[in-house]
Amino acid sequence: LARYSFIGADPEFVLGGNYHQVTVATKNNVEKFSTSLLDYLRGHFA
């Protein structure tokens, strides 16, 4: 067994998508964007 186990529940938001579009779902809202999921991730983490 490795040193850590990680646990989480109720994320801030859930992201799903593909090369053409991204869906961002929060507790209160769902939005779609015309960008690749990879580009969305790059922008978020930058």
All heavy atoms as atom14 arrays in JSON, in Angstrom:
{
  "sequence": "LARYSFIGADPEFVLGGNYHQVTVATKNNVEKFSTSLLDYLRGHFA",
  "atom14_mask": [
    [1, 1, 1, 1, 1, 1, 1, 1, 0, 0, 0, 0, 0, 0],
    [1, 1, 1, 1, 1, 0, 0, 0, 0, 0, 0, 0, 0, 0],
    [1, 1, 1, 1, 1, 1, 1, 1, 1, 1, 1, 0, 0, 0],
    [1, 1, 1, 1, 1, 1, 1, 1, 1, 1, 1, 1, 0, 0],
    [1, 1, 1, 1, 1, 1, 0, 0, 0, 0, 0, 0, 0, 0],
    [1, 1, 1, 1, 1, 1, 1, 1, 1, 1, 1, 0, 0, 0],
    [1, 1, 1, 1, 1, 1, 1, 1, 0, 0, 0, 0, 0, 0],
    [1, 1, 1, 1, 0, 0, 0, 0, 0, 0, 0, 0, 0, 0],
    [1, 1, 1, 1, 1, 0, 0, 0, 0, 0, 0, 0, 0, 0],
    [1, 1, 1, 1, 1, 1, 1, 1, 0, 0, 0, 0, 0, 0],
    [1, 1, 1, 1, 1, 1, 1, 0, 0, 0, 0, 0, 0, 0],
    [1, 1, 1, 1, 1, 1, 1, 1, 1, 0, 0, 0, 0, 0],
    [1, 1, 1, 1, 1, 1, 1, 1, 1, 1, 1, 0, 0, 0],
    [1, 1, 1, 1, 1, 1, 1, 0, 0, 0, 0, 0, 0, 0],
    [1, 1, 1, 1, 1, 1, 1, 1, 0, 0, 0, 0, 0, 0],
    [1, 1, 1, 1, 0, 0, 0, 0, 0, 0, 0, 0, 0, 0],
    [1, 1, 1, 1, 0, 0, 0, 0, 0, 0, 0, 0, 0, 0],
    [1, 1, 1, 1, 1, 1, 1, 1, 0, 0, 0, 0, 0, 0],
    [1, 1, 1, 1, 1, 1, 1, 1, 1, 1, 1, 1, 0, 0],
    [1, 1, 1, 1, 1, 1, 1, 1, 1, 1, 0, 0, 0, 0],
    [1, 1, 1, 1, 1, 1, 1, 1, 1, 0, 0, 0, 0, 0],
    [1, 1, 1, 1, 1, 1, 1, 0, 0, 0, 0, 0, 0, 0],
    [1, 1, 1, 1, 1, 1, 1, 0, 0, 0, 0, 0, 0, 0],
    [1, 1, 1, 1, 1, 1, 1, 0, 0, 0, 0, 0, 0, 0],
    [1, 1, 1, 1, 1, 0, 0, 0, 0, 0, 0, 0, 0, 0],
    [1, 1, 1, 1, 1, 1, 1, 0, 0, 0, 0, 0, 0, 0],
    [1, 1, 1, 1, 1, 1, 1, 1, 1, 0, 0, 0, 0, 0],
    [1, 1, 1, 1, 1, 1, 1, 1, 0, 0, 0, 0, 0, 0],
    [1, 1, 1, 1, 1, 1, 1, 1, 0, 0, 0, 0, 0, 0],
    [1, 1, 1, 1, 1, 1, 1, 0, 0, 0, 0, 0, 0, 0],
    [1, 1, 1, 1, 1, 1, 1, 1, 1, 0, 0, 0, 0, 0],
    [1, 1, 1, 1, 1, 1, 1, 1, 1, 0, 0, 0, 0, 0],
    [1, 1, 1, 1, 1, 1, 1, 1, 1, 1, 1, 0, 0, 0],
    [1, 1, 1, 1, 1, 1, 0, 0, 0, 0, 0, 0, 0, 0],
    [1, 1, 1, 1, 1, 1, 1, 0, 0, 0, 0, 0, 0, 0],
    [1, 1, 1, 1, 1, 1, 0, 0, 0, 0, 0, 0, 0, 0],
    [1, 1, 1, 1, 1, 1, 1, 1, 0, 0, 0, 0, 0, 0],
    [1, 1, 1, 1, 1, 1, 1, 1, 0, 0, 0, 0, 0, 0],
    [1, 1, 1, 1, 1, 1, 1, 1, 0, 0, 0, 0, 0, 0],
    [1, 1, 1, 1, 1, 1, 1, 1, 1, 1, 1, 1, 0, 0],
    [1, 1, 1, 1, 1, 1, 1, 1, 0, 0, 0, 0, 0, 0],
    [1, 1, 1, 1, 1, 1, 1, 1, 1, 1, 1, 0, 0, 0],
    [1, 1, 1, 1, 0, 0, 0, 0, 0, 0, 0, 0, 0, 0],
    [1, 1, 1, 1, 1, 1, 1, 1, 1, 1, 0, 0, 0, 0],
    [1, 1, 1, 1, 1, 1, 1, 1, 1, 1, 1, 0, 0, 0],
    [1, 1, 1, 1, 1, 0, 0, 0, 0, 0, 0, 0, 0, 0]
  ],
  "atom14_positions": [
    [[0.84, -1.19, 0.0], [0.0, 0.0, 0.0], [0.88, 1.24, 0.0], [1.86, 1.32, 0.72], [-0.89, -0.02, 1.25], [-2.0, 0.99, 1.33], [-3.01, 0.76, 0.2], [-2.71, 0.87, 2.67], [0.0, 0.0, 0.0], [0.0, 0.0, 0.0], [0.0, 0.0, 0.0], [0.0, 0.0, 0.0], [0.0, 0.0, 0.0], [0.0, 0.0, 0.0]],
    [[0.53, 2.22, -0.82], [1.28, 3.47, -0.86], [0.99, 4.3, 0.38], [0.11, 3.96, 1.18], [0.91, 4.25, -2.12], [0.0, 0.0, 0.0], [0.0, 0.0, 0.0], [0.0, 0.0, 0.0], [0.0, 0.0, 0.0], [0.0, 0.0, 0.0], [0.0, 0.0, 0.0], [0.0, 0.0, 0.0], [0.0, 0.0, 0.0], [0.0, 0.0, 0.0]],
    [[1.69, 5.4, 0.53], [1.57, 6.2, 1.75], [0.2, 6.83, 1.92], [-0.33, 6.89, 3.02], [2.65, 7.28, 1.75], [2.53, 8.15, 2.98], [3.73, 8.96, 3.25], [3.51, 9.78, 4.43], [4.36, 10.67, 4.85], [5.49, 10.85, 4.21], [4.1, 11.38, 5.93], [0.0, 0.0, 0.0], [0.0, 0.0, 0.0], [0.0, 0.0, 0.0]],
    [[-0.4, 7.34, 0.83], [-1.65, 8.09, 0.95], [-2.8, 7.42, 0.24], [-2.63, 6.78, -0.79], [-1.49, 9.49, 0.35], [-0.59, 10.4, 1.14], [0.73, 10.61, 0.75], [-1.05, 11.06, 2.27], [1.56, 11.45, 1.47], [-0.23, 11.9, 2.99], [1.08, 12.1, 2.59], [1.9, 12.92, 3.3], [0.0, 0.0, 0.0], [0.0, 0.0, 0.0]],
    [[-3.99, 7.61, 0.79], [-5.25, 7.36, 0.11], [-5.95, 8.71, 0.06], [-5.89, 9.48, 1.02], [-6.12, 6.37, 0.88], [-5.51, 5.11, 0.94], [0.0, 0.0, 0.0], [0.0, 0.0, 0.0], [0.0, 0.0, 0.0], [0.0, 0.0, 0.0], [0.0, 0.0, 0.0], [0.0, 0.0, 0.0], [0.0, 0.0, 0.0], [0.0, 0.0, 0.0]],
    [[-6.61, 9.0, -1.06], [-7.26, 10.3, -1.24], [-8.76, 10.11, -1.36], [-9.22, 9.2, -2.05], [-6.71, 11.0, -2.48], [-5.24, 11.29, -2.4], [-4.33, 10.47, -3.05], [-4.76, 12.34, -1.65], [-2.97, 10.73, -2.97], [-3.41, 12.6, -1.56], [-2.51, 11.79, -2.23], [0.0, 0.0, 0.0], [0.0, 0.0, 0.0], [0.0, 0.0, 0.0]],
    [[-9.51, 11.01, -0.72], [-10.96, 10.92, -0.67], [-11.55, 12.29, -0.93], [-11.05, 13.29, -0.44], [-11.41, 10.41, 0.73], [-10.74, 9.06, 1.02], [-12.92, 10.32, 0.82], [-10.59, 8.75, 2.48], [0.0, 0.0, 0.0], [0.0, 0.0, 0.0], [0.0, 0.0, 0.0], [0.0, 0.0, 0.0], [0.0, 0.0, 0.0], [0.0, 0.0, 0.0]],
    [[-12.63, 12.32, -1.7], [-13.32, 13.57, -1.95], [-14.78, 13.33, -2.28], [-15.15, 12.28, -2.81], [0.0, 0.0, 0.0], [0.0, 0.0, 0.0], [0.0, 0.0, 0.0], [0.0, 0.0, 0.0], [0.0, 0.0, 0.0], [0.0, 0.0, 0.0], [0.0, 0.0, 0.0], [0.0, 0.0, 0.0], [0.0, 0.0, 0.0], [0.0, 0.0, 0.0]],
    [[-15.62, 14.3, -1.95], [-17.05, 14.24, -2.26], [-17.53, 15.66, -2.55], [-16.96, 16.63, -2.04], [-17.83, 13.64, -1.1], [0.0, 0.0, 0.0], [0.0, 0.0, 0.0], [0.0, 0.0, 0.0], [0.0, 0.0, 0.0], [0.0, 0.0, 0.0], [0.0, 0.0, 0.0], [0.0, 0.0, 0.0], [0.0, 0.0, 0.0], [0.0, 0.0, 0.0]],
    [[-18.57, 15.75, -3.35], [-19.18, 17.03, -3.71], [-18.17, 18.03, -4.29], [-17.8, 19.01, -3.66], [-19.88, 17.66, -2.49], [-21.04, 16.82, -2.02], [-21.75, 16.25, -2.87], [-21.24, 16.72, -0.8], [0.0, 0.0, 0.0], [0.0, 0.0, 0.0], [0.0, 0.0, 0.0], [0.0, 0.0, 0.0], [0.0, 0.0, 0.0], [0.0, 0.0, 0.0]],
    [[-17.74, 17.8, -5.53], [-16.77, 18.69, -6.16], [-17.35, 20.09, -6.4], [-18.57, 20.26, -6.45], [-16.45, 18.0, -7.48], [-17.65, 17.18, -7.77], [-18.19, 16.75, -6.43], [0.0, 0.0, 0.0], [0.0, 0.0, 0.0], [0.0, 0.0, 0.0], [0.0, 0.0, 0.0], [0.0, 0.0, 0.0], [0.0, 0.0, 0.0], [0.0, 0.0, 0.0]],
    [[-16.46, 21.06, -6.59], [-16.86, 22.42, -6.93], [-17.58, 22.43, -8.28], [-18.57, 23.11, -8.44], [-15.65, 23.34, -7.01], [-15.07, 23.69, -5.67], [-15.98, 24.57, -4.85], [-16.45, 25.61, -5.36], [-16.23, 24.21, -3.69], [0.0, 0.0, 0.0], [0.0, 0.0, 0.0], [0.0, 0.0, 0.0], [0.0, 0.0, 0.0], [0.0, 0.0, 0.0]],
    [[-17.02, 21.71, -9.25], [-17.68, 21.57, -10.54], [-17.2, 20.3, -11.22], [-16.18, 19.72, -10.85], [-17.5, 22.8, -11.44], [-16.08, 23.09, -11.86], [-15.6, 22.63, -13.09], [-15.24, 23.85, -11.08], [-14.32, 22.92, -13.51], [-13.95, 24.15, -11.48], [-13.49, 23.68, -12.7], [0.0, 0.0, 0.0], [0.0, 0.0, 0.0], [0.0, 0.0, 0.0]],
    [[-17.97, 19.86, -12.21], [-17.66, 18.67, -12.98], [-17.52, 19.1, -14.44], [-18.35, 19.84, -14.96], [-18.76, 17.59, -12.84], [-18.45, 16.38, -13.71], [-18.92, 17.18, -11.39], [0.0, 0.0, 0.0], [0.0, 0.0, 0.0], [0.0, 0.0, 0.0], [0.0, 0.0, 0.0], [0.0, 0.0, 0.0], [0.0, 0.0, 0.0], [0.0, 0.0, 0.0]],
    [[-16.46, 18.63, -15.06], [-16.12, 19.01, -16.43], [-16.17, 17.76, -17.3], [-15.63, 16.72, -16.93], [-14.71, 19.6, -16.41], [-14.08, 20.05, -17.71], [-14.8, 21.28, -18.23], [-12.62, 20.38, -17.46], [0.0, 0.0, 0.0], [0.0, 0.0, 0.0], [0.0, 0.0, 0.0], [0.0, 0.0, 0.0], [0.0, 0.0, 0.0], [0.0, 0.0, 0.0]],
    [[-16.82, 17.86, -18.43], [-16.85, 16.75, -19.37], [-16.78, 17.3, -20.78], [-17.18, 18.44, -21.03], [0.0, 0.0, 0.0], [0.0, 0.0, 0.0], [0.0, 0.0, 0.0], [0.0, 0.0, 0.0], [0.0, 0.0, 0.0], [0.0, 0.0, 0.0], [0.0, 0.0, 0.0], [0.0, 0.0, 0.0], [0.0, 0.0, 0.0], [0.0, 0.0, 0.0]],
    [[-16.26, 16.51, -21.69], [-16.22, 17.01, -23.05], [-15.36, 16.2, -23.98], [-15.0, 15.07, -23.7], [0.0, 0.0, 0.0], [0.0, 0.0, 0.0], [0.0, 0.0, 0.0], [0.0, 0.0, 0.0], [0.0, 0.0, 0.0], [0.0, 0.0, 0.0], [0.0, 0.0, 0.0], [0.0, 0.0, 0.0], [0.0, 0.0, 0.0], [0.0, 0.0, 0.0]],
    [[-15.02, 16.85, -25.09], [-14.24, 16.2, -26.13], [-13.39, 17.25, -26.84], [-13.12, 18.3, -26.29], [-15.17, 15.46, -27.09], [-16.23, 16.36, -27.7], [-16.0, 17.54, -27.95], [-17.4, 15.8, -27.92], [0.0, 0.0, 0.0], [0.0, 0.0, 0.0], [0.0, 0.0, 0.0], [0.0, 0.0, 0.0], [0.0, 0.0, 0.0], [0.0, 0.0, 0.0]],
    [[-13.02, 16.97, -28.07], [-12.15, 17.86, -28.84], [-12.88, 19.11, -29.32], [-12.27, 20.11, -29.66], [-11.59, 17.09, -30.04], [-10.51, 17.81, -30.78], [-9.23, 17.92, -30.22], [-10.74, 18.39, -32.02], [-8.22, 18.59, -30.9], [-9.73, 19.05, -32.7], [-8.48, 19.15, -32.13], [-7.47, 19.81, -32.79], [0.0, 0.0, 0.0], [0.0, 0.0, 0.0]],
    [[-14.23, 19.07, -29.3], [-15.02, 20.16, -29.87], [-15.74, 21.01, -28.83], [-15.97, 22.19, -29.07], [-16.05, 19.61, -30.84], [-15.46, 18.76, -31.92], [-14.77, 19.29, -32.98], [-15.42, 17.42, -32.07], [-14.34, 18.32, -33.75], [-14.72, 17.16, -33.23], [0.0, 0.0, 0.0], [0.0, 0.0, 0.0], [0.0, 0.0, 0.0], [0.0, 0.0, 0.0]],
    [[-16.13, 20.42, -27.71], [-16.91, 21.18, -26.73], [-16.68, 20.68, -25.32], [-16.23, 19.56, -25.1], [-18.4, 21.12, -27.07], [-19.04, 19.77, -26.85], [-20.52, 19.79, -27.16], [-21.06, 20.77, -27.68], [-21.21, 18.71, -26.86], [0.0, 0.0, 0.0], [0.0, 0.0, 0.0], [0.0, 0.0, 0.0], [0.0, 0.0, 0.0], [0.0, 0.0, 0.0]],
    [[-17.03, 21.56, -24.38], [-16.85, 21.28, -22.96], [-18.16, 21.62, -22.25], [-18.79, 22.63, -22.56], [-15.71, 22.14, -22.38], [-15.62, 21.97, -20.88], [-14.39, 21.8, -23.02], [0.0, 0.0, 0.0], [0.0, 0.0, 0.0], [0.0, 0.0, 0.0], [0.0, 0.0, 0.0], [0.0, 0.0, 0.0], [0.0, 0.0, 0.0], [0.0, 0.0, 0.0]],
    [[-18.53, 20.79, -21.29], [-19.67, 21.06, -20.43], [-19.16, 21.22, -19.01], [-18.44, 20.35, -18.51], [-20.7, 19.91, -20.49], [-21.11, 19.73, -21.84], [-21.91, 20.22, -19.62], [0.0, 0.0, 0.0], [0.0, 0.0, 0.0], [0.0, 0.0, 0.0], [0.0, 0.0, 0.0], [0.0, 0.0, 0.0], [0.0, 0.0, 0.0], [0.0, 0.0, 0.0]],
    [[-19.52, 22.34, -18.38], [-19.13, 22.61, -17.0], [-20.4, 22.64, -16.16], [-21.29, 23.46, -16.39], [-18.39, 23.96, -16.88], [-17.99, 24.22, -15.45], [-17.17, 23.99, -17.8], [0.0, 0.0, 0.0], [0.0, 0.0, 0.0], [0.0, 0.0, 0.0], [0.0, 0.0, 0.0], [0.0, 0.0, 0.0], [0.0, 0.0, 0.0], [0.0, 0.0, 0.0]],
    [[-20.48, 21.72, -15.2], [-21.67, 21.61, -14.35], [-21.32, 21.94, -12.91], [-20.44, 21.3, -12.32], [-22.26, 20.21, -14.45], [0.0, 0.0, 0.0], [0.0, 0.0, 0.0], [0.0, 0.0, 0.0], [0.0, 0.0, 0.0], [0.0, 0.0, 0.0], [0.0, 0.0, 0.0], [0.0, 0.0, 0.0], [0.0, 0.0, 0.0], [0.0, 0.0, 0.0]],
    [[-21.99, 22.94, -12.35], [-21.87, 23.26, -10.93], [-23.16, 22.8, -10.26], [-24.05, 22.25, -10.91], [-21.67, 24.78, -10.71], [-22.83, 25.47, -11.19], [-20.42, 25.28, -11.42], [0.0, 0.0, 0.0], [0.0, 0.0, 0.0], [0.0, 0.0, 0.0], [0.0, 0.0, 0.0], [0.0, 0.0, 0.0], [0.0, 0.0, 0.0], [0.0, 0.0, 0.0]],
    [[-23.29, 23.07, -8.97], [-24.51, 22.67, -8.26], [-25.74, 23.37, -8.82], [-26.83, 22.83, -8.79], [-24.35, 22.98, -6.77], [-23.32, 22.12, -6.1], [-23.14, 22.51, -4.66], [-21.99, 21.71, -4.08], [-21.64, 22.12, -2.74], [0.0, 0.0, 0.0], [0.0, 0.0, 0.0], [0.0, 0.0, 0.0], [0.0, 0.0, 0.0], [0.0, 0.0, 0.0]],
    [[-25.55, 24.6, -9.33], [-26.7, 25.4, -9.76], [-26.79, 25.66, -11.26], [-27.76, 26.27, -11.7], [-26.66, 26.76, -9.04], [-26.64, 26.61, -7.55], [-27.33, 25.78, -7.0], [-25.83, 27.42, -6.9], [0.0, 0.0, 0.0], [0.0, 0.0, 0.0], [0.0, 0.0, 0.0], [0.0, 0.0, 0.0], [0.0, 0.0, 0.0], [0.0, 0.0, 0.0]],
    [[-25.79, 25.24, -12.04], [-25.74, 25.69, -13.41], [-24.99, 24.68, -14.29], [-24.08, 24.01, -13.82], [-25.03, 27.04, -13.46], [-25.17, 27.75, -14.77], [-26.07, 27.47, -15.55], [-24.28, 28.68, -15.05], [0.0, 0.0, 0.0], [0.0, 0.0, 0.0], [0.0, 0.0, 0.0], [0.0, 0.0, 0.0], [0.0, 0.0, 0.0], [0.0, 0.0, 0.0]],
    [[-25.38, 24.62, -15.57], [-24.66, 23.83, -16.57], [-24.41, 24.74, -17.76], [-25.33, 25.37, -18.28], [-25.47, 22.59, -17.01], [-24.75, 21.85, -18.13], [-25.73, 21.66, -15.84], [0.0, 0.0, 0.0], [0.0, 0.0, 0.0], [0.0, 0.0, 0.0], [0.0, 0.0, 0.0], [0.0, 0.0, 0.0], [0.0, 0.0, 0.0], [0.0, 0.0, 0.0]],
    [[-23.14, 24.84, -18.17], [-22.77, 25.67, -19.31], [-21.97, 24.84, -20.31], [-21.21, 23.97, -19.93], [-21.9, 26.85, -18.87], [-22.63, 27.91, -18.1], [-21.73, 29.1, -17.82], [-21.44, 29.85, -18.78], [-21.31, 29.25, -16.67], [0.0, 0.0, 0.0], [0.0, 0.0, 0.0], [0.0, 0.0, 0.0], [0.0, 0.0, 0.0], [0.0, 0.0, 0.0]],
    [[-22.16, 25.16, -21.59], [-21.39, 24.51, -22.66], [-20.52, 25.56, -23.34], [-20.94, 26.7, -23.53], [-22.32, 23.87, -23.68], [-23.03, 22.66, -23.13], [-23.76, 21.9, -24.22], [-24.52, 20.76, -23.59], [-24.12, 19.49, -24.06], [0.0, 0.0, 0.0], [0.0, 0.0, 0.0], [0.0, 0.0, 0.0], [0.0, 0.0, 0.0], [0.0, 0.0, 0.0]],
    [[-19.29, 25.14, -23.68], [-18.35, 26.02, -24.35], [-17.83, 25.34, -25.61], [-17.59, 24.14, -25.61], [-17.17, 26.35, -23.43], [-17.58, 27.06, -22.17], [-17.77, 26.35, -20.99], [-17.76, 28.42, -22.15], [-18.14, 26.98, -19.82], [-18.14, 29.08, -21.0], [-18.33, 28.36, -19.83], [0.0, 0.0, 0.0], [0.0, 0.0, 0.0], [0.0, 0.0, 0.0]],
    [[-17.63, 26.11, -26.67], [-17.11, 25.58, -27.93], [-15.59, 25.66, -27.92], [-14.98, 26.49, -28.59], [-17.68, 26.37, -29.11], [-19.06, 26.16, -29.21], [0.0, 0.0, 0.0], [0.0, 0.0, 0.0], [0.0, 0.0, 0.0], [0.0, 0.0, 0.0], [0.0, 0.0, 0.0], [0.0, 0.0, 0.0], [0.0, 0.0, 0.0], [0.0, 0.0, 0.0]],
    [[-14.99, 24.8, -27.16], [-13.53, 24.69, -27.08], [-13.19, 23.25, -26.72], [-14.06, 22.54, -26.2], [-12.93, 25.68, -26.06], [-11.52, 25.62, -26.11], [-13.39, 25.35, -24.65], [0.0, 0.0, 0.0], [0.0, 0.0, 0.0], [0.0, 0.0, 0.0], [0.0, 0.0, 0.0], [0.0, 0.0, 0.0], [0.0, 0.0, 0.0], [0.0, 0.0, 0.0]],
    [[-11.98, 22.85, -26.96], [-11.61, 21.48, -26.59], [-11.43, 21.39, -25.08], [-11.06, 22.37, -24.43], [-10.34, 21.05, -27.31], [-9.21, 21.65, -26.72], [0.0, 0.0, 0.0], [0.0, 0.0, 0.0], [0.0, 0.0, 0.0], [0.0, 0.0, 0.0], [0.0, 0.0, 0.0], [0.0, 0.0, 0.0], [0.0, 0.0, 0.0], [0.0, 0.0, 0.0]],
    [[-11.67, 20.21, -24.56], [-11.49, 20.0, -23.12], [-10.04, 20.24, -22.73], [-9.77, 20.82, -21.68], [-11.93, 18.59, -22.74], [-11.97, 18.35, -21.24], [-13.27, 17.67, -20.86], [-10.82, 17.51, -20.8], [0.0, 0.0, 0.0], [0.0, 0.0, 0.0], [0.0, 0.0, 0.0], [0.0, 0.0, 0.0], [0.0, 0.0, 0.0], [0.0, 0.0, 0.0]],
    [[-9.12, 19.84, -23.56], [-7.7, 20.04, -23.27], [-7.35, 21.53, -23.19], [-6.63, 21.95, -22.28], [-6.85, 19.34, -24.32], [-5.39, 19.14, -24.01], [-5.2, 18.37, -22.71], [-4.7, 18.4, -25.15], [0.0, 0.0, 0.0], [0.0, 0.0, 0.0], [0.0, 0.0, 0.0], [0.0, 0.0, 0.0], [0.0, 0.0, 0.0], [0.0, 0.0, 0.0]],
    [[-7.88, 22.35, -24.11], [-7.64, 23.79, -24.05], [-8.26, 24.4, -22.8], [-7.69, 25.31, -22.19], [-8.17, 24.48, -25.3], [-7.32, 24.21, -26.52], [-6.15, 23.8, -26.36], [-7.83, 24.39, -27.65], [0.0, 0.0, 0.0], [0.0, 0.0, 0.0], [0.0, 0.0, 0.0], [0.0, 0.0, 0.0], [0.0, 0.0, 0.0], [0.0, 0.0, 0.0]],
    [[-9.44, 23.91, -22.43], [-10.09, 24.41, -21.21], [-9.22, 24.1, -19.98], [-9.01, 24.95, -19.13], [-11.48, 23.79, -21.05], [-12.27, 24.39, -19.92], [-13.14, 25.44, -20.14], [-12.12, 23.91, -18.62], [-13.86, 26.0, -19.1], [-12.84, 24.46, -17.57], [-13.71, 25.51, -17.82], [-14.4, 26.06, -16.77], [0.0, 0.0, 0.0], [0.0, 0.0, 0.0]],
    [[-8.71, 22.86, -19.92], [-7.85, 22.48, -18.8], [-6.58, 23.33, -18.75], [-6.17, 23.78, -17.68], [-7.47, 21.0, -18.89], [-8.57, 19.99, -18.59], [-8.09, 18.58, -18.9], [-9.04, 20.11, -17.16], [0.0, 0.0, 0.0], [0.0, 0.0, 0.0], [0.0, 0.0, 0.0], [0.0, 0.0, 0.0], [0.0, 0.0, 0.0], [0.0, 0.0, 0.0]],
    [[-5.95, 23.55, -19.91], [-4.75, 24.39, -19.96], [-5.03, 25.79, -19.42], [-4.26, 26.33, -18.64], [-4.23, 24.48, -21.39], [-3.48, 23.27, -21.86], [-2.92, 23.51, -23.25], [-2.3, 22.31, -23.75], [-2.57, 21.76, -24.92], [-3.44, 22.32, -25.74], [-1.97, 20.66, -25.3], [0.0, 0.0, 0.0], [0.0, 0.0, 0.0], [0.0, 0.0, 0.0]],
    [[-6.13, 26.38, -19.87], [-6.48, 27.72, -19.4], [-6.78, 27.76, -17.92], [-6.36, 28.68, -17.21], [0.0, 0.0, 0.0], [0.0, 0.0, 0.0], [0.0, 0.0, 0.0], [0.0, 0.0, 0.0], [0.0, 0.0, 0.0], [0.0, 0.0, 0.0], [0.0, 0.0, 0.0], [0.0, 0.0, 0.0], [0.0, 0.0, 0.0], [0.0, 0.0, 0.0]],
    [[-7.49, 26.75, -17.43], [-7.84, 26.7, -16.0], [-6.58, 26.6, -15.13], [-6.42, 27.35, -14.17], [-8.77, 25.53, -15.73], [-9.11, 25.37, -14.29], [-10.08, 26.14, -13.67], [-8.6, 24.56, -13.33], [-10.14, 25.8, -12.39], [-9.26, 24.83, -12.17], [0.0, 0.0, 0.0], [0.0, 0.0, 0.0], [0.0, 0.0, 0.0], [0.0, 0.0, 0.0]],
    [[-5.69, 25.67, -15.47], [-4.52, 25.46, -14.64], [-3.45, 26.52, -14.83], [-2.59, 26.68, -13.96], [-3.96, 24.05, -14.84], [-4.83, 23.0, -14.2], [-5.48, 22.06, -14.97], [-5.03, 22.98, -12.83], [-6.3, 21.11, -14.38], [-5.85, 22.05, -12.23], [-6.49, 21.11, -13.01], [0.0, 0.0, 0.0], [0.0, 0.0, 0.0], [0.0, 0.0, 0.0]],
    [[-3.48, 27.26, -15.92], [-2.54, 28.36, -16.11], [-2.82, 29.49, -15.12], [-1.93, 30.29, -14.81], [-2.62, 28.89, -17.54], [0.0, 0.0, 0.0], [0.0, 0.0, 0.0], [0.0, 0.0, 0.0], [0.0, 0.0, 0.0], [0.0, 0.0, 0.0], [0.0, 0.0, 0.0], [0.0, 0.0, 0.0], [0.0, 0.0, 0.0], [0.0, 0.0, 0.0]]
  ]
}
